[in-house]
Structures are given as structure tokens and as C-alpha cells.
């Protein structure tokens, strides 16, 4: 990765990190080289990252990176407090996007969070220019499917999650979404209340 690649990645990580509670068990889909885990370090209880671009498994401290995808994860590994999808949705094929969203929801514990960053399709034009100039290299543009960030809310609400926050960053060209899986025990009218 070049300096600009790292800068853009770090920006996404900073935006997402603000919404990751201390002590979380985190699944990072599209984890790359594990930069999110290195940044959060002791803030996390445990971290698992998956990425199809990884050639082999990596482990350190409480973190593990695995080659593969969300679909390849075993359901018996338990539920996660947080799942992050940082610049991932634009890489998911259109015919798989609904199942992908449902898979994310299925791996979250009740009350857990899904944190998503997704760029505007217009960013691809900018990145092509930056790649031609040799300023970026780590972005797999050939895998981008032109995902419209405006679809993100409905996609994950259909999977049973509730939108808690939406905002823009990187000059308005990138979106941050924070979803939560409803917890029947803390729902209004019954169970415990959140503190």
C-alpha cells in the first residue's frame, strides 16, 4: 500500500472506531492486513478478520486473520458484538448482496452493532485517476460493482437491523452507517433497560 492508501484506510478506521465499544468481540469482514485490530489493540476482547485476498492465516495476541469470506465462516464460532464492513459493500456481487446482509445480521448478538463504510460510486473515477498517477495501489477497483450507498439502510433493515447513525466523511464522498440488532430483552415495555 502507498501512503495515500494508508491515509484513506486510516480515515475509515477512525470513523468506525468511535462506534466500537471497549471489550467487544469484533468480526472485520474485508480485514486486509489487520490494520483495524492493530489500531484498536487492547480496546478489543477478541478479533477475527476475513479477507479473500489473504494468502494464509495470521495470528497475534487476541486476533486472527483468515483467508476467505463471510459465507465461509462457521456458525458455531459464536456471535459477535460488532461486525465491521469498511469499504466492502461495493465488492459484493449484486446477486449476493441480500444474502450477505442476512449473513451479517445472523452473526451479530442481540444488541450488537454493524458498522459500514461505503463510498459513492463517483469515487471510482477519482481512484482510477489516482492509480494512473501512481498515488494509490491497494484498491481493487476491478471488483467494484457500483453499489449505491442510498440502498444501505433498506438492505440491512430488511435483514432485521435498525439504523442508529448515518453520516458522510471524506468530503462527502464516503458514508458511515451504524446499525444495531434489536435485543428483545431491552425492547421498550419489557426486559432490562440499557445504561
N, C-alpha and C. Protein backbone atom coordinates (compact mmCIF):
# COMPACT_ATOMS: atom_id res chain seq x y z
N UNK A 1 0.83 -1.18 0.00
CA UNK A 1 0.00 0.00 0.00
C UNK A 1 0.88 1.25 0.00
N UNK A 2 0.39 2.25 -0.68
CA UNK A 2 1.10 3.52 -0.70
C UNK A 2 0.58 4.43 0.41
N UNK A 3 1.24 5.55 0.58
CA UNK A 3 0.88 6.47 1.66
C UNK A 3 -0.58 6.91 1.57
N UNK A 4 -1.07 7.24 0.39
CA UNK A 4 -2.45 7.68 0.25
C UNK A 4 -3.43 6.56 0.56
N UNK A 5 -3.08 5.31 0.16
CA UNK A 5 -3.92 4.16 0.52
C UNK A 5 -4.07 4.08 2.04
N UNK A 6 -2.95 4.19 2.74
CA UNK A 6 -2.96 4.11 4.22
C UNK A 6 -3.74 5.27 4.84
N UNK A 7 -3.60 6.45 4.26
CA UNK A 7 -4.33 7.61 4.75
C UNK A 7 -5.84 7.40 4.64
N UNK A 8 -6.30 6.93 3.48
CA UNK A 8 -7.74 6.69 3.28
C UNK A 8 -8.23 5.57 4.19
N UNK A 9 -7.45 4.50 4.33
CA UNK A 9 -7.80 3.40 5.22
C UNK A 9 -7.89 3.89 6.66
N UNK A 10 -6.91 4.68 7.08
CA UNK A 10 -6.90 5.20 8.45
C UNK A 10 -8.09 6.09 8.74
N UNK A 11 -8.52 6.85 7.76
CA UNK A 11 -9.69 7.72 7.91
C UNK A 11 -10.94 6.87 8.18
N UNK A 12 -11.12 5.80 7.39
CA UNK A 12 -12.26 4.89 7.59
C UNK A 12 -12.20 4.27 8.98
N UNK A 13 -11.01 3.82 9.36
CA UNK A 13 -10.85 3.17 10.66
C UNK A 13 -11.18 4.13 11.80
N UNK A 14 -10.73 5.36 11.72
CA UNK A 14 -11.04 6.34 12.78
C UNK A 14 -12.54 6.56 12.90
N UNK A 15 -13.23 6.68 11.76
CA UNK A 15 -14.69 6.89 11.79
C UNK A 15 -15.39 5.70 12.44
N UNK A 16 -14.98 4.49 12.07
CA UNK A 16 -15.62 3.28 12.61
C UNK A 16 -15.29 3.08 14.08
N UNK A 17 -14.05 3.33 14.46
CA UNK A 17 -13.58 3.06 15.82
C UNK A 17 -14.39 3.79 16.88
N UNK A 18 -14.88 4.95 16.55
CA UNK A 18 -15.66 5.74 17.51
C UNK A 18 -16.95 5.03 17.93
N UNK A 19 -17.36 4.02 17.19
CA UNK A 19 -18.63 3.33 17.46
C UNK A 19 -18.42 1.89 17.95
N UNK A 20 -17.18 1.54 18.26
CA UNK A 20 -16.87 0.19 18.73
C UNK A 20 -16.66 0.23 20.24
N UNK A 21 -17.58 -0.38 21.01
CA UNK A 21 -17.47 -0.34 22.47
C UNK A 21 -16.23 -1.11 22.96
N UNK A 22 -15.61 -0.64 24.03
CA UNK A 22 -14.48 -1.37 24.63
C UNK A 22 -14.90 -2.78 25.03
N UNK A 23 -13.99 -3.72 24.90
CA UNK A 23 -14.26 -5.10 25.30
C UNK A 23 -15.05 -5.90 24.28
N UNK A 24 -15.20 -5.38 23.08
CA UNK A 24 -16.00 -6.06 22.06
C UNK A 24 -15.28 -7.26 21.45
N UNK A 25 -16.08 -8.22 21.06
CA UNK A 25 -15.62 -9.32 20.20
C UNK A 25 -16.01 -8.88 18.79
N UNK A 26 -15.00 -8.66 17.94
CA UNK A 26 -15.22 -7.99 16.65
C UNK A 26 -14.89 -8.90 15.48
N UNK A 27 -15.75 -8.87 14.47
CA UNK A 27 -15.51 -9.52 13.19
C UNK A 27 -15.31 -8.43 12.15
N UNK A 28 -14.14 -8.41 11.52
CA UNK A 28 -13.84 -7.43 10.48
C UNK A 28 -13.85 -8.14 9.13
N UNK A 29 -14.89 -7.90 8.35
CA UNK A 29 -15.03 -8.53 7.03
C UNK A 29 -14.31 -7.63 6.02
N UNK A 30 -13.39 -8.22 5.23
CA UNK A 30 -12.56 -7.43 4.34
C UNK A 30 -11.43 -6.79 5.12
N UNK A 31 -10.82 -7.56 6.03
CA UNK A 31 -9.88 -7.03 7.03
C UNK A 31 -8.54 -6.58 6.46
N UNK A 32 -8.22 -6.94 5.22
CA UNK A 32 -6.91 -6.56 4.68
C UNK A 32 -5.80 -7.11 5.53
N UNK A 33 -4.89 -6.26 5.94
CA UNK A 33 -3.73 -6.70 6.73
C UNK A 33 -3.96 -6.60 8.24
N UNK A 34 -5.19 -6.37 8.67
CA UNK A 34 -5.50 -6.31 10.10
C UNK A 34 -5.27 -4.95 10.73
N UNK A 35 -5.25 -3.90 9.93
CA UNK A 35 -4.98 -2.55 10.44
C UNK A 35 -5.98 -2.13 11.53
N UNK A 36 -7.23 -2.52 11.40
CA UNK A 36 -8.23 -2.15 12.41
C UNK A 36 -7.86 -2.75 13.77
N UNK A 37 -7.44 -4.01 13.79
CA UNK A 37 -7.07 -4.65 15.05
C UNK A 37 -5.81 -4.03 15.65
N UNK A 38 -4.86 -3.69 14.81
CA UNK A 38 -3.64 -3.05 15.33
C UNK A 38 -3.98 -1.68 15.94
N UNK A 39 -4.90 -0.97 15.33
CA UNK A 39 -5.28 0.35 15.86
C UNK A 39 -6.03 0.23 17.19
N UNK A 40 -6.95 -0.74 17.28
CA UNK A 40 -7.78 -0.86 18.48
C UNK A 40 -7.07 -1.61 19.60
N UNK A 41 -6.22 -2.55 19.27
CA UNK A 41 -5.40 -3.28 20.25
C UNK A 41 -6.16 -3.74 21.47
N UNK A 42 -5.73 -3.24 22.64
CA UNK A 42 -6.28 -3.70 23.91
C UNK A 42 -7.72 -3.25 24.15
N UNK A 43 -8.25 -2.37 23.29
CA UNK A 43 -9.65 -1.96 23.43
C UNK A 43 -10.58 -3.14 23.16
N UNK A 44 -10.12 -4.12 22.36
CA UNK A 44 -10.95 -5.26 21.99
C UNK A 44 -10.68 -6.47 22.87
N UNK A 45 -11.72 -7.25 23.11
CA UNK A 45 -11.57 -8.53 23.81
C UNK A 45 -10.97 -9.57 22.87
N UNK A 46 -11.45 -9.55 21.60
CA UNK A 46 -11.03 -10.55 20.62
C UNK A 46 -11.39 -10.04 19.23
N UNK A 47 -10.62 -10.45 18.23
CA UNK A 47 -10.91 -10.03 16.86
C UNK A 47 -10.65 -11.13 15.87
N UNK A 48 -11.58 -11.28 14.93
CA UNK A 48 -11.42 -12.19 13.80
C UNK A 48 -11.60 -11.37 12.53
N UNK A 49 -10.67 -11.50 11.61
CA UNK A 49 -10.77 -10.83 10.32
C UNK A 49 -10.79 -11.84 9.21
N UNK A 50 -11.61 -11.59 8.18
CA UNK A 50 -11.63 -12.44 6.99
C UNK A 50 -11.46 -11.56 5.76
N UNK A 51 -10.71 -12.09 4.79
CA UNK A 51 -10.49 -11.36 3.55
C UNK A 51 -10.09 -12.36 2.48
N UNK A 52 -10.76 -12.33 1.32
CA UNK A 52 -10.41 -13.28 0.25
C UNK A 52 -9.02 -13.03 -0.33
N UNK A 53 -8.46 -11.84 -0.11
CA UNK A 53 -7.13 -11.53 -0.66
C UNK A 53 -5.99 -12.08 0.20
N UNK A 54 -6.30 -12.53 1.42
CA UNK A 54 -5.25 -13.10 2.27
C UNK A 54 -4.81 -14.45 1.70
N UNK A 55 -3.53 -14.70 1.74
CA UNK A 55 -2.99 -15.96 1.23
C UNK A 55 -2.87 -17.01 2.32
N UNK A 56 -2.74 -16.56 3.57
CA UNK A 56 -2.61 -17.51 4.67
C UNK A 56 -3.14 -16.89 5.96
N UNK A 57 -3.30 -17.76 6.95
CA UNK A 57 -3.79 -17.34 8.27
C UNK A 57 -2.68 -16.59 9.02
N UNK A 58 -3.08 -15.56 9.79
CA UNK A 58 -2.16 -14.80 10.64
C UNK A 58 -2.77 -14.74 12.04
N UNK A 59 -1.95 -14.89 13.06
CA UNK A 59 -2.43 -14.77 14.44
C UNK A 59 -1.44 -13.98 15.27
N UNK A 60 -1.95 -13.14 16.15
CA UNK A 60 -1.15 -12.45 17.15
C UNK A 60 -2.08 -12.02 18.27
N UNK A 61 -1.56 -12.00 19.47
CA UNK A 61 -2.30 -11.58 20.64
C UNK A 61 -3.68 -12.24 20.65
N UNK A 62 -4.75 -11.45 20.62
CA UNK A 62 -6.13 -11.98 20.63
C UNK A 62 -6.78 -11.89 19.25
N UNK A 63 -5.97 -11.77 18.21
CA UNK A 63 -6.50 -11.51 16.87
C UNK A 63 -6.10 -12.61 15.89
N UNK A 64 -7.01 -12.88 14.97
CA UNK A 64 -6.76 -13.89 13.94
C UNK A 64 -7.30 -13.38 12.61
N UNK A 65 -6.51 -13.49 11.56
CA UNK A 65 -6.94 -13.15 10.20
C UNK A 65 -7.00 -14.44 9.40
N UNK A 66 -8.09 -14.64 8.67
CA UNK A 66 -8.30 -15.85 7.89
C UNK A 66 -8.56 -15.52 6.43
N UNK A 67 -7.99 -16.30 5.51
CA UNK A 67 -8.38 -16.14 4.11
C UNK A 67 -9.83 -16.59 3.96
N UNK A 68 -10.62 -15.88 3.18
CA UNK A 68 -11.99 -16.31 2.96
C UNK A 68 -12.99 -15.18 3.02
N UNK A 69 -14.25 -15.57 3.12
CA UNK A 69 -15.35 -14.61 3.11
C UNK A 69 -16.29 -14.89 4.27
N UNK A 70 -17.25 -14.01 4.46
CA UNK A 70 -18.27 -14.18 5.49
C UNK A 70 -18.99 -15.52 5.31
N UNK A 71 -19.30 -15.86 4.08
CA UNK A 71 -20.04 -17.09 3.79
C UNK A 71 -19.29 -18.33 4.27
N UNK A 72 -17.97 -18.27 4.27
CA UNK A 72 -17.18 -19.42 4.66
C UNK A 72 -17.00 -19.60 6.16
N UNK A 73 -17.51 -18.66 6.97
CA UNK A 73 -17.35 -18.76 8.41
C UNK A 73 -18.33 -19.76 9.00
N UNK A 74 -17.87 -20.49 9.99
CA UNK A 74 -18.70 -21.47 10.67
C UNK A 74 -19.64 -20.77 11.65
N UNK A 75 -20.88 -21.15 11.65
CA UNK A 75 -21.87 -20.55 12.56
C UNK A 75 -21.62 -20.96 14.02
N UNK A 76 -20.85 -22.03 14.22
CA UNK A 76 -20.61 -22.47 15.60
C UNK A 76 -19.51 -21.67 16.29
N UNK A 77 -18.94 -20.68 15.61
CA UNK A 77 -17.90 -19.85 16.24
C UNK A 77 -18.50 -18.80 17.18
N UNK A 78 -19.81 -18.74 17.26
CA UNK A 78 -20.45 -17.81 18.18
C UNK A 78 -20.79 -16.49 17.52
N UNK A 79 -21.48 -15.65 18.28
CA UNK A 79 -21.92 -14.36 17.79
C UNK A 79 -20.92 -13.27 18.15
N UNK A 80 -20.97 -12.18 17.42
CA UNK A 80 -20.04 -11.07 17.62
C UNK A 80 -20.78 -9.85 18.18
N UNK A 81 -20.05 -9.06 18.96
CA UNK A 81 -20.58 -7.80 19.49
C UNK A 81 -20.63 -6.74 18.40
N UNK A 82 -19.63 -6.77 17.51
CA UNK A 82 -19.51 -5.79 16.44
C UNK A 82 -19.02 -6.49 15.18
N UNK A 83 -19.60 -6.10 14.05
CA UNK A 83 -19.10 -6.51 12.74
C UNK A 83 -18.80 -5.23 11.97
N UNK A 84 -17.62 -5.17 11.36
CA UNK A 84 -17.26 -4.01 10.54
C UNK A 84 -17.15 -4.42 9.08
N UNK A 85 -17.67 -3.56 8.22
CA UNK A 85 -17.59 -3.69 6.76
C UNK A 85 -17.05 -2.35 6.25
N UNK A 86 -15.74 -2.20 6.24
CA UNK A 86 -15.14 -0.93 5.85
C UNK A 86 -14.73 -1.02 4.38
N UNK A 87 -15.47 -0.31 3.53
CA UNK A 87 -15.25 -0.33 2.07
C UNK A 87 -15.37 -1.75 1.53
N UNK A 88 -16.47 -2.43 1.89
CA UNK A 88 -16.70 -3.82 1.49
C UNK A 88 -17.90 -3.96 0.56
N UNK A 89 -19.01 -3.26 0.83
CA UNK A 89 -20.25 -3.49 0.07
C UNK A 89 -20.07 -3.32 -1.43
N UNK A 90 -19.22 -2.41 -1.85
CA UNK A 90 -19.02 -2.19 -3.29
C UNK A 90 -18.29 -3.36 -3.96
N UNK A 91 -17.79 -4.31 -3.14
CA UNK A 91 -17.12 -5.50 -3.68
C UNK A 91 -18.05 -6.72 -3.73
N UNK A 92 -19.24 -6.62 -3.13
CA UNK A 92 -20.16 -7.76 -3.08
C UNK A 92 -21.02 -7.76 -4.35
N UNK A 93 -21.06 -8.90 -5.02
CA UNK A 93 -21.83 -9.03 -6.26
C UNK A 93 -23.32 -8.79 -5.99
N UNK A 94 -23.98 -8.17 -6.93
CA UNK A 94 -25.39 -7.80 -6.79
C UNK A 94 -26.27 -9.00 -6.43
N UNK A 95 -26.02 -10.15 -7.04
CA UNK A 95 -26.87 -11.31 -6.77
C UNK A 95 -26.59 -11.95 -5.41
N UNK A 96 -25.60 -11.44 -4.68
CA UNK A 96 -25.27 -11.98 -3.36
C UNK A 96 -25.51 -10.99 -2.22
N UNK A 97 -25.89 -9.77 -2.56
CA UNK A 97 -25.93 -8.70 -1.56
C UNK A 97 -26.97 -8.94 -0.46
N UNK A 98 -28.14 -9.46 -0.81
CA UNK A 98 -29.18 -9.74 0.19
C UNK A 98 -28.76 -10.82 1.15
N UNK A 99 -28.19 -11.91 0.64
CA UNK A 99 -27.70 -13.00 1.49
C UNK A 99 -26.54 -12.53 2.35
N UNK A 100 -25.71 -11.66 1.82
CA UNK A 100 -24.59 -11.11 2.57
C UNK A 100 -25.10 -10.31 3.77
N UNK A 101 -26.09 -9.45 3.56
CA UNK A 101 -26.66 -8.65 4.65
C UNK A 101 -27.29 -9.56 5.70
N UNK A 102 -28.02 -10.57 5.27
CA UNK A 102 -28.63 -11.51 6.21
C UNK A 102 -27.56 -12.27 6.99
N UNK A 103 -26.47 -12.63 6.32
CA UNK A 103 -25.37 -13.32 7.00
C UNK A 103 -24.75 -12.47 8.08
N UNK A 104 -24.57 -11.18 7.80
CA UNK A 104 -24.04 -10.26 8.82
C UNK A 104 -24.97 -10.20 10.01
N UNK A 105 -26.26 -10.01 9.76
CA UNK A 105 -27.24 -9.91 10.85
C UNK A 105 -27.25 -11.19 11.68
N UNK A 106 -27.12 -12.32 11.01
CA UNK A 106 -27.14 -13.61 11.70
C UNK A 106 -25.93 -13.85 12.60
N UNK A 107 -24.83 -13.14 12.36
CA UNK A 107 -23.62 -13.34 13.16
C UNK A 107 -23.47 -12.31 14.28
N UNK A 108 -24.45 -11.40 14.39
CA UNK A 108 -24.44 -10.40 15.46
C UNK A 108 -25.26 -10.88 16.65
N UNK A 109 -24.75 -10.63 17.85
CA UNK A 109 -25.54 -10.92 19.04
C UNK A 109 -26.64 -9.86 19.16
N UNK A 110 -27.74 -10.16 19.86
CA UNK A 110 -28.75 -9.13 20.10
C UNK A 110 -28.10 -7.92 20.80
N UNK A 111 -28.38 -6.74 20.31
CA UNK A 111 -27.77 -5.52 20.83
C UNK A 111 -26.44 -5.20 20.18
N UNK A 112 -25.96 -6.10 19.31
CA UNK A 112 -24.68 -5.89 18.64
C UNK A 112 -24.77 -4.85 17.54
N UNK A 113 -23.61 -4.36 17.09
CA UNK A 113 -23.55 -3.30 16.09
C UNK A 113 -22.90 -3.78 14.79
N UNK A 114 -23.42 -3.27 13.71
CA UNK A 114 -22.82 -3.44 12.39
C UNK A 114 -22.38 -2.05 11.94
N UNK A 115 -21.11 -1.90 11.64
CA UNK A 115 -20.56 -0.60 11.22
C UNK A 115 -20.10 -0.73 9.78
N UNK A 116 -20.64 0.13 8.93
CA UNK A 116 -20.42 0.05 7.49
C UNK A 116 -19.89 1.37 6.97
N UNK A 117 -18.83 1.33 6.16
CA UNK A 117 -18.46 2.49 5.36
C UNK A 117 -18.60 2.08 3.91
N UNK A 118 -19.17 2.97 3.11
CA UNK A 118 -19.34 2.69 1.69
C UNK A 118 -19.18 3.99 0.90
N UNK A 119 -18.29 3.95 -0.11
CA UNK A 119 -18.07 5.17 -0.90
C UNK A 119 -19.15 5.35 -1.97
N UNK A 120 -19.29 6.58 -2.41
CA UNK A 120 -20.12 6.89 -3.56
C UNK A 120 -19.47 6.25 -4.79
N UNK A 121 -20.27 5.76 -5.74
CA UNK A 121 -19.68 5.21 -6.97
C UNK A 121 -18.81 6.24 -7.71
N UNK A 122 -19.04 7.54 -7.47
CA UNK A 122 -18.21 8.58 -8.11
C UNK A 122 -16.76 8.50 -7.68
N UNK A 123 -16.51 7.89 -6.52
CA UNK A 123 -15.15 7.76 -6.02
C UNK A 123 -14.29 6.93 -6.98
N UNK A 124 -14.91 5.97 -7.66
CA UNK A 124 -14.15 5.12 -8.59
C UNK A 124 -13.42 5.94 -9.64
N UNK A 125 -14.07 6.97 -10.15
CA UNK A 125 -13.46 7.83 -11.17
C UNK A 125 -12.21 8.52 -10.60
N UNK A 126 -12.33 8.98 -9.36
CA UNK A 126 -11.21 9.64 -8.70
C UNK A 126 -10.08 8.64 -8.47
N UNK A 127 -10.42 7.44 -8.01
CA UNK A 127 -9.40 6.43 -7.72
C UNK A 127 -8.68 5.96 -8.97
N UNK A 128 -9.41 5.86 -10.09
CA UNK A 128 -8.75 5.49 -11.35
C UNK A 128 -7.68 6.52 -11.69
N UNK A 129 -8.01 7.78 -11.54
CA UNK A 129 -7.04 8.84 -11.81
C UNK A 129 -5.85 8.78 -10.87
N UNK A 130 -6.12 8.55 -9.58
CA UNK A 130 -5.04 8.45 -8.60
C UNK A 130 -4.15 7.24 -8.86
N UNK A 131 -4.76 6.15 -9.31
CA UNK A 131 -3.96 4.95 -9.62
C UNK A 131 -3.09 5.20 -10.85
N UNK A 132 -3.61 5.88 -11.85
CA UNK A 132 -2.81 6.20 -13.05
C UNK A 132 -1.62 7.09 -12.70
N UNK A 133 -1.81 7.96 -11.71
CA UNK A 133 -0.73 8.83 -11.27
C UNK A 133 0.24 8.12 -10.32
N UNK A 134 -0.08 6.88 -9.96
CA UNK A 134 0.78 6.11 -9.07
C UNK A 134 0.65 6.50 -7.60
N UNK A 135 -0.46 7.16 -7.23
CA UNK A 135 -0.64 7.61 -5.86
C UNK A 135 -1.33 6.58 -4.97
N UNK A 136 -2.09 5.65 -5.56
CA UNK A 136 -2.72 4.56 -4.82
C UNK A 136 -2.46 3.26 -5.55
N UNK A 137 -2.46 2.17 -4.79
CA UNK A 137 -2.29 0.87 -5.44
C UNK A 137 -3.10 -0.23 -4.78
N UNK A 138 -3.49 -0.04 -3.52
CA UNK A 138 -4.12 -1.12 -2.76
C UNK A 138 -5.61 -1.27 -2.97
N UNK A 139 -6.18 -0.54 -3.90
CA UNK A 139 -7.63 -0.57 -4.08
C UNK A 139 -7.97 -1.46 -5.26
N UNK A 140 -8.82 -2.47 -5.01
CA UNK A 140 -9.19 -3.43 -6.06
C UNK A 140 -10.42 -2.92 -6.82
N UNK A 141 -10.20 -1.92 -7.66
CA UNK A 141 -11.30 -1.29 -8.40
C UNK A 141 -12.02 -2.25 -9.33
N UNK A 142 -11.31 -3.22 -9.86
CA UNK A 142 -11.94 -4.18 -10.78
C UNK A 142 -13.04 -4.98 -10.11
N UNK A 143 -13.07 -4.99 -8.78
CA UNK A 143 -14.10 -5.71 -8.04
C UNK A 143 -15.30 -4.83 -7.69
N UNK A 144 -15.22 -3.53 -7.93
CA UNK A 144 -16.33 -2.64 -7.56
C UNK A 144 -17.53 -2.87 -8.47
N UNK A 145 -18.69 -2.92 -7.85
CA UNK A 145 -19.93 -3.18 -8.58
C UNK A 145 -20.85 -1.97 -8.63
N UNK A 146 -20.35 -0.80 -8.27
CA UNK A 146 -21.15 0.42 -8.36
C UNK A 146 -22.28 0.47 -7.35
N UNK A 147 -22.07 -0.05 -6.14
CA UNK A 147 -23.12 -0.07 -5.14
C UNK A 147 -23.53 1.35 -4.77
N UNK A 148 -24.83 1.60 -4.74
CA UNK A 148 -25.39 2.90 -4.39
C UNK A 148 -25.55 2.97 -2.87
N UNK A 149 -24.82 3.85 -2.18
CA UNK A 149 -24.93 3.94 -0.72
C UNK A 149 -26.36 4.20 -0.24
N UNK A 150 -27.20 4.78 -1.09
CA UNK A 150 -28.59 5.03 -0.73
C UNK A 150 -29.38 3.75 -0.47
N UNK A 151 -28.86 2.62 -0.90
CA UNK A 151 -29.53 1.32 -0.68
C UNK A 151 -29.16 0.68 0.66
N UNK A 152 -28.16 1.22 1.32
CA UNK A 152 -27.61 0.56 2.51
C UNK A 152 -28.63 0.40 3.62
N UNK A 153 -29.36 1.46 3.92
CA UNK A 153 -30.33 1.39 5.02
C UNK A 153 -31.36 0.29 4.79
N UNK A 154 -32.00 0.30 3.64
CA UNK A 154 -33.04 -0.70 3.36
C UNK A 154 -32.46 -2.11 3.35
N UNK A 155 -31.27 -2.26 2.82
CA UNK A 155 -30.62 -3.57 2.73
C UNK A 155 -30.48 -4.21 4.10
N UNK A 156 -29.98 -3.45 5.06
CA UNK A 156 -29.75 -4.03 6.39
C UNK A 156 -31.00 -3.99 7.27
N UNK A 157 -31.92 -3.07 7.01
CA UNK A 157 -33.19 -3.12 7.74
C UNK A 157 -33.99 -4.35 7.32
N UNK A 158 -33.94 -4.72 6.04
CA UNK A 158 -34.60 -5.94 5.59
C UNK A 158 -34.00 -7.18 6.25
N UNK A 159 -32.74 -7.08 6.66
CA UNK A 159 -32.07 -8.19 7.36
C UNK A 159 -32.36 -8.17 8.86
N UNK A 160 -33.14 -7.19 9.33
CA UNK A 160 -33.56 -7.15 10.72
C UNK A 160 -32.78 -6.21 11.62
N UNK A 161 -31.92 -5.37 11.04
CA UNK A 161 -31.14 -4.43 11.85
C UNK A 161 -31.80 -3.06 11.83
N UNK A 162 -31.46 -2.23 12.81
CA UNK A 162 -32.01 -0.88 12.91
C UNK A 162 -30.90 0.14 12.75
N UNK A 163 -31.13 1.14 11.91
CA UNK A 163 -30.15 2.19 11.70
C UNK A 163 -30.09 3.09 12.93
N UNK A 164 -28.89 3.30 13.45
CA UNK A 164 -28.68 4.18 14.60
C UNK A 164 -27.99 5.48 14.20
N UNK A 165 -27.20 5.43 13.14
CA UNK A 165 -26.48 6.64 12.72
C UNK A 165 -26.09 6.53 11.25
N UNK A 166 -26.16 7.68 10.57
CA UNK A 166 -25.68 7.78 9.20
C UNK A 166 -25.03 9.15 9.04
N UNK A 167 -23.86 9.17 8.46
CA UNK A 167 -23.18 10.43 8.20
C UNK A 167 -22.24 10.27 7.02
N UNK A 168 -21.67 11.38 6.58
CA UNK A 168 -20.72 11.38 5.47
C UNK A 168 -19.37 11.89 5.94
N UNK A 169 -18.33 11.46 5.24
CA UNK A 169 -16.99 11.95 5.52
C UNK A 169 -16.18 11.89 4.22
N UNK A 170 -14.92 12.22 4.27
CA UNK A 170 -14.05 12.30 3.09
C UNK A 170 -14.71 13.18 2.02
N UNK A 171 -14.92 14.43 2.41
CA UNK A 171 -15.51 15.44 1.53
C UNK A 171 -16.90 15.04 1.04
N UNK A 172 -17.61 14.27 1.84
CA UNK A 172 -18.96 13.84 1.50
C UNK A 172 -19.02 12.67 0.53
N UNK A 173 -17.88 12.12 0.15
CA UNK A 173 -17.84 11.03 -0.82
C UNK A 173 -17.90 9.65 -0.20
N UNK A 174 -17.85 9.56 1.12
CA UNK A 174 -17.92 8.28 1.81
C UNK A 174 -19.01 8.36 2.86
N UNK A 175 -19.66 7.24 3.11
CA UNK A 175 -20.77 7.16 4.06
C UNK A 175 -20.39 6.25 5.22
N UNK A 176 -20.86 6.61 6.41
CA UNK A 176 -20.74 5.77 7.59
C UNK A 176 -22.15 5.44 8.06
N UNK A 177 -22.42 4.16 8.24
CA UNK A 177 -23.69 3.68 8.77
C UNK A 177 -23.40 2.85 10.02
N UNK A 178 -24.19 3.05 11.07
CA UNK A 178 -24.10 2.23 12.27
C UNK A 178 -25.49 1.63 12.50
N UNK A 179 -25.56 0.30 12.45
CA UNK A 179 -26.80 -0.43 12.66
C UNK A 179 -26.70 -1.19 13.98
N UNK A 180 -27.85 -1.53 14.52
CA UNK A 180 -27.90 -2.34 15.74
C UNK A 180 -28.91 -3.45 15.57
N UNK A 181 -28.58 -4.60 16.12
CA UNK A 181 -29.52 -5.73 16.11
C UNK A 181 -30.42 -5.59 17.34
N UNK A 182 -31.73 -5.55 17.14
CA UNK A 182 -32.63 -5.40 18.29
C UNK A 182 -32.42 -6.51 19.32
N UNK A 183 -32.55 -6.13 20.57
CA UNK A 183 -32.42 -7.07 21.68
C UNK A 183 -33.78 -7.15 22.36
N UNK A 184 -34.46 -8.28 22.24
CA UNK A 184 -35.81 -8.40 22.82
C UNK A 184 -35.83 -8.14 24.32
N UNK A 185 -34.73 -8.39 25.01
CA UNK A 185 -34.69 -8.19 26.47
C UNK A 185 -34.64 -6.72 26.84
N UNK A 186 -34.21 -5.87 25.94
CA UNK A 186 -34.13 -4.44 26.25
C UNK A 186 -35.15 -3.60 25.48
N UNK A 187 -36.02 -4.29 24.77
CA UNK A 187 -37.04 -3.58 23.98
C UNK A 187 -37.98 -2.83 24.93
N UNK A 188 -38.55 -1.73 24.42
CA UNK A 188 -39.48 -0.92 25.20
C UNK A 188 -40.64 -1.78 25.68
N UNK A 189 -40.95 -1.62 26.93
CA UNK A 189 -42.10 -2.35 27.50
C UNK A 189 -41.73 -3.66 28.14
N UNK A 190 -40.49 -4.05 28.14
CA UNK A 190 -40.13 -5.32 28.76
C UNK A 190 -38.65 -5.45 28.92
N UNK A 191 -38.26 -6.33 29.82
CA UNK A 191 -36.84 -6.62 29.99
C UNK A 191 -36.08 -5.49 30.65
N UNK A 192 -34.76 -5.61 30.57
CA UNK A 192 -33.88 -4.62 31.18
C UNK A 192 -33.77 -3.39 30.29
N UNK A 193 -33.38 -2.30 30.91
CA UNK A 193 -33.11 -1.09 30.11
C UNK A 193 -31.60 -0.92 29.97
N UNK A 194 -31.19 -0.26 28.89
CA UNK A 194 -29.77 -0.04 28.65
C UNK A 194 -29.27 1.09 29.52
N UNK A 195 -28.01 1.00 29.88
CA UNK A 195 -27.40 2.12 30.61
C UNK A 195 -26.31 2.72 29.75
